[in-house]
């Protein structure tokens, strides 16, 4: 998807650990990732990156990514957004066809994250090495950006 096609509306998806697990299950189905690996990894990322997609943390305006023109949601284009905190260029590059065009949509954000970690970190199709390759997805290790 082209960066110009990214939308910036927030569908106000549910928050909390249980909701993130349900969204992660769907993201795994859409990407062919084994839910035994994908769900815990994605839920861990959502906890660390957005407090389980809590409305207050759906966009990060304070990190180094927070620059660029202000978009329709009132925030700079490159702010990290959504449950797993995708920046729009990464979201666009790894967008899963058939999912929402906004990184605020949890399933769309998670499927883009799966595509990204597979490409950038060599996470295998099943996701069996997800937590090994992406420290931010491993609940047994300290947080580390990805």
Protein backbone atom coordinates (compact mmCIF):
# COMPACT_ATOMS: atom_id res chain seq x y z
CA UNK A 1 0.00 0.00 0.00
CA UNK A 2 1.28 3.47 -0.76
CA UNK A 3 1.92 5.76 2.22
CA UNK A 4 -0.61 8.23 0.79
CA UNK A 5 -3.34 5.59 1.24
CA UNK A 6 -2.87 5.28 5.01
CA UNK A 7 -5.91 6.55 6.90
CA UNK A 8 -5.77 8.13 10.32
CA UNK A 9 -9.16 7.46 11.87
CA UNK A 10 -9.39 5.51 15.10
CA UNK A 11 -12.10 2.82 15.00
CA UNK A 12 -11.98 2.77 18.81
CA UNK A 13 -11.19 -0.94 18.97
CA UNK A 14 -11.47 -2.64 22.34
CA UNK A 15 -8.55 -2.53 24.74
CA UNK A 16 -7.24 -4.89 27.40
CA UNK A 17 -5.31 -8.15 27.39
CA UNK A 18 -8.30 -10.30 26.44
CA UNK A 19 -9.21 -8.11 23.49
CA UNK A 20 -5.59 -8.07 22.29
CA UNK A 21 -5.52 -11.89 22.41
CA UNK A 22 -8.68 -12.03 20.29
CA UNK A 23 -7.25 -9.57 17.76
CA UNK A 24 -3.93 -11.43 17.73
CA UNK A 25 -5.74 -14.70 17.01
CA UNK A 26 -7.35 -13.12 13.95
CA UNK A 27 -4.03 -11.61 12.83
CA UNK A 28 -2.45 -15.06 13.08
CA UNK A 29 -5.26 -16.56 10.98
CA UNK A 30 -4.80 -13.91 8.30
CA UNK A 31 -1.02 -14.32 8.12
CA UNK A 32 -0.71 -18.07 8.63
CA UNK A 33 1.20 -17.67 11.90
CA UNK A 34 0.73 -20.37 14.51
CA UNK A 35 -1.36 -18.80 17.29
CA UNK A 36 0.68 -20.66 19.93
CA UNK A 37 3.56 -18.31 19.10
CA UNK A 38 1.86 -15.30 17.59
CA UNK A 39 -0.72 -14.59 20.26
CA UNK A 40 1.65 -14.37 23.24
CA UNK A 41 4.20 -12.40 21.21
CA UNK A 42 1.68 -9.87 19.88
CA UNK A 43 -0.06 -9.48 23.24
CA UNK A 44 3.31 -8.84 24.89
CA UNK A 45 4.12 -6.20 22.28
CA UNK A 46 0.68 -4.60 22.73
CA UNK A 47 1.17 -4.50 26.51
CA UNK A 48 4.59 -2.91 26.21
CA UNK A 49 3.90 -0.55 23.32
CA UNK A 50 0.37 0.70 24.02
CA UNK A 51 -0.75 -0.67 27.41
CA UNK A 52 -2.98 -3.14 25.54
CA UNK A 53 -4.09 -0.42 23.11
CA UNK A 54 -5.36 1.83 25.87
CA UNK A 55 -6.92 4.92 24.23
CA UNK A 56 -4.36 7.21 25.86
CA UNK A 57 -1.47 5.26 24.30
CA UNK A 58 -2.82 4.59 20.79
CA UNK A 59 -0.44 7.24 19.45
CA UNK A 60 3.03 8.12 20.68
CA UNK A 61 3.78 11.81 20.21
CA UNK A 62 6.94 11.88 22.32
CA UNK A 63 9.47 9.54 20.69
CA UNK A 64 11.91 10.18 17.87
CA UNK A 65 9.35 9.09 15.28
CA UNK A 66 7.02 12.01 16.10
CA UNK A 67 7.78 14.24 13.13
CA UNK A 68 6.37 15.11 9.75
CA UNK A 69 3.27 16.90 8.55
CA UNK A 70 0.25 16.84 10.83
CA UNK A 71 -2.29 14.29 9.61
CA UNK A 72 -6.07 14.20 9.94
CA UNK A 73 -5.83 12.68 13.44
CA UNK A 74 -3.96 15.80 14.60
CA UNK A 75 -0.56 14.10 15.01
CA UNK A 76 2.66 14.17 12.97
CA UNK A 77 2.71 11.58 10.19
CA UNK A 78 5.52 9.45 11.57
CA UNK A 79 4.17 9.05 15.11
CA UNK A 80 3.90 5.44 16.21
CA UNK A 81 0.24 4.41 16.24
CA UNK A 82 -1.95 1.51 17.25
CA UNK A 83 -1.63 -1.54 19.45
CA UNK A 84 1.84 -2.51 18.28
CA UNK A 85 2.90 1.08 17.54
CA UNK A 86 3.52 1.01 13.79
CA UNK A 87 4.79 4.15 12.13
CA UNK A 88 2.77 4.86 8.96
CA UNK A 89 5.62 4.13 6.50
CA UNK A 90 6.12 0.67 8.06
CA UNK A 91 2.38 0.11 8.27
CA UNK A 92 2.00 0.97 4.57
CA UNK A 93 4.95 -1.20 3.53
CA UNK A 94 3.65 -4.26 5.39
CA UNK A 95 -0.10 -3.65 5.15
CA UNK A 96 -2.08 -6.85 4.71
CA UNK A 97 -4.54 -6.58 1.83
CA UNK A 98 -8.11 -6.89 3.07
CA UNK A 99 -7.43 -5.27 6.44
CA UNK A 100 -8.24 -1.70 7.43
CA UNK A 101 -6.05 1.07 6.04
CA UNK A 102 -5.47 2.63 9.46
CA UNK A 103 -2.79 1.57 11.95
CA UNK A 104 -5.31 2.30 14.71
CA UNK A 105 -7.20 -0.84 13.67
CA UNK A 106 -5.69 -3.53 15.91
CA UNK A 107 -5.86 -6.41 13.42
CA UNK A 108 -4.43 -4.29 10.60
CA UNK A 109 -1.65 -3.07 12.89
CA UNK A 110 -0.84 -6.59 14.10
CA UNK A 111 -0.79 -8.10 10.61
CA UNK A 112 1.57 -5.33 9.46
CA UNK A 113 3.74 -6.06 12.50
CA UNK A 114 3.88 -9.74 11.57
CA UNK A 115 4.99 -8.87 8.04
CA UNK A 116 7.59 -6.47 9.40
CA UNK A 117 9.13 -8.88 11.94
CA UNK A 118 9.25 -11.65 9.36
CA UNK A 119 11.14 -9.40 6.97
CA UNK A 120 13.32 -7.40 9.39
CA UNK A 121 14.07 -10.00 12.06
CA UNK A 122 13.72 -13.28 10.20
CA UNK A 123 10.73 -14.51 12.18
CA UNK A 124 9.66 -17.73 10.49
CA UNK A 125 6.24 -18.38 8.97
CA UNK A 126 5.02 -20.27 12.03
CA UNK A 127 6.30 -17.63 14.42
CA UNK A 128 8.14 -20.26 16.47
CA UNK A 129 11.14 -17.94 16.81
CA UNK A 130 9.14 -14.70 17.26
CA UNK A 131 10.04 -14.18 20.93
CA UNK A 132 13.65 -15.24 20.31
CA UNK A 133 14.15 -12.81 17.43
CA UNK A 134 12.15 -9.86 18.77
CA UNK A 135 13.00 -9.05 22.38
CA UNK A 136 9.98 -6.74 22.69
CA UNK A 137 7.78 -9.81 22.06
CA UNK A 138 9.44 -11.93 24.77
CA UNK A 139 7.81 -11.56 28.19
CA UNK A 140 10.82 -13.18 29.88
CA UNK A 141 13.24 -10.45 28.74
CA UNK A 142 13.17 -6.73 29.44
CA UNK A 143 11.44 -4.43 26.96
CA UNK A 144 13.43 -3.33 23.95
CA UNK A 145 12.10 -1.32 21.01
CA UNK A 146 11.79 -3.04 17.68
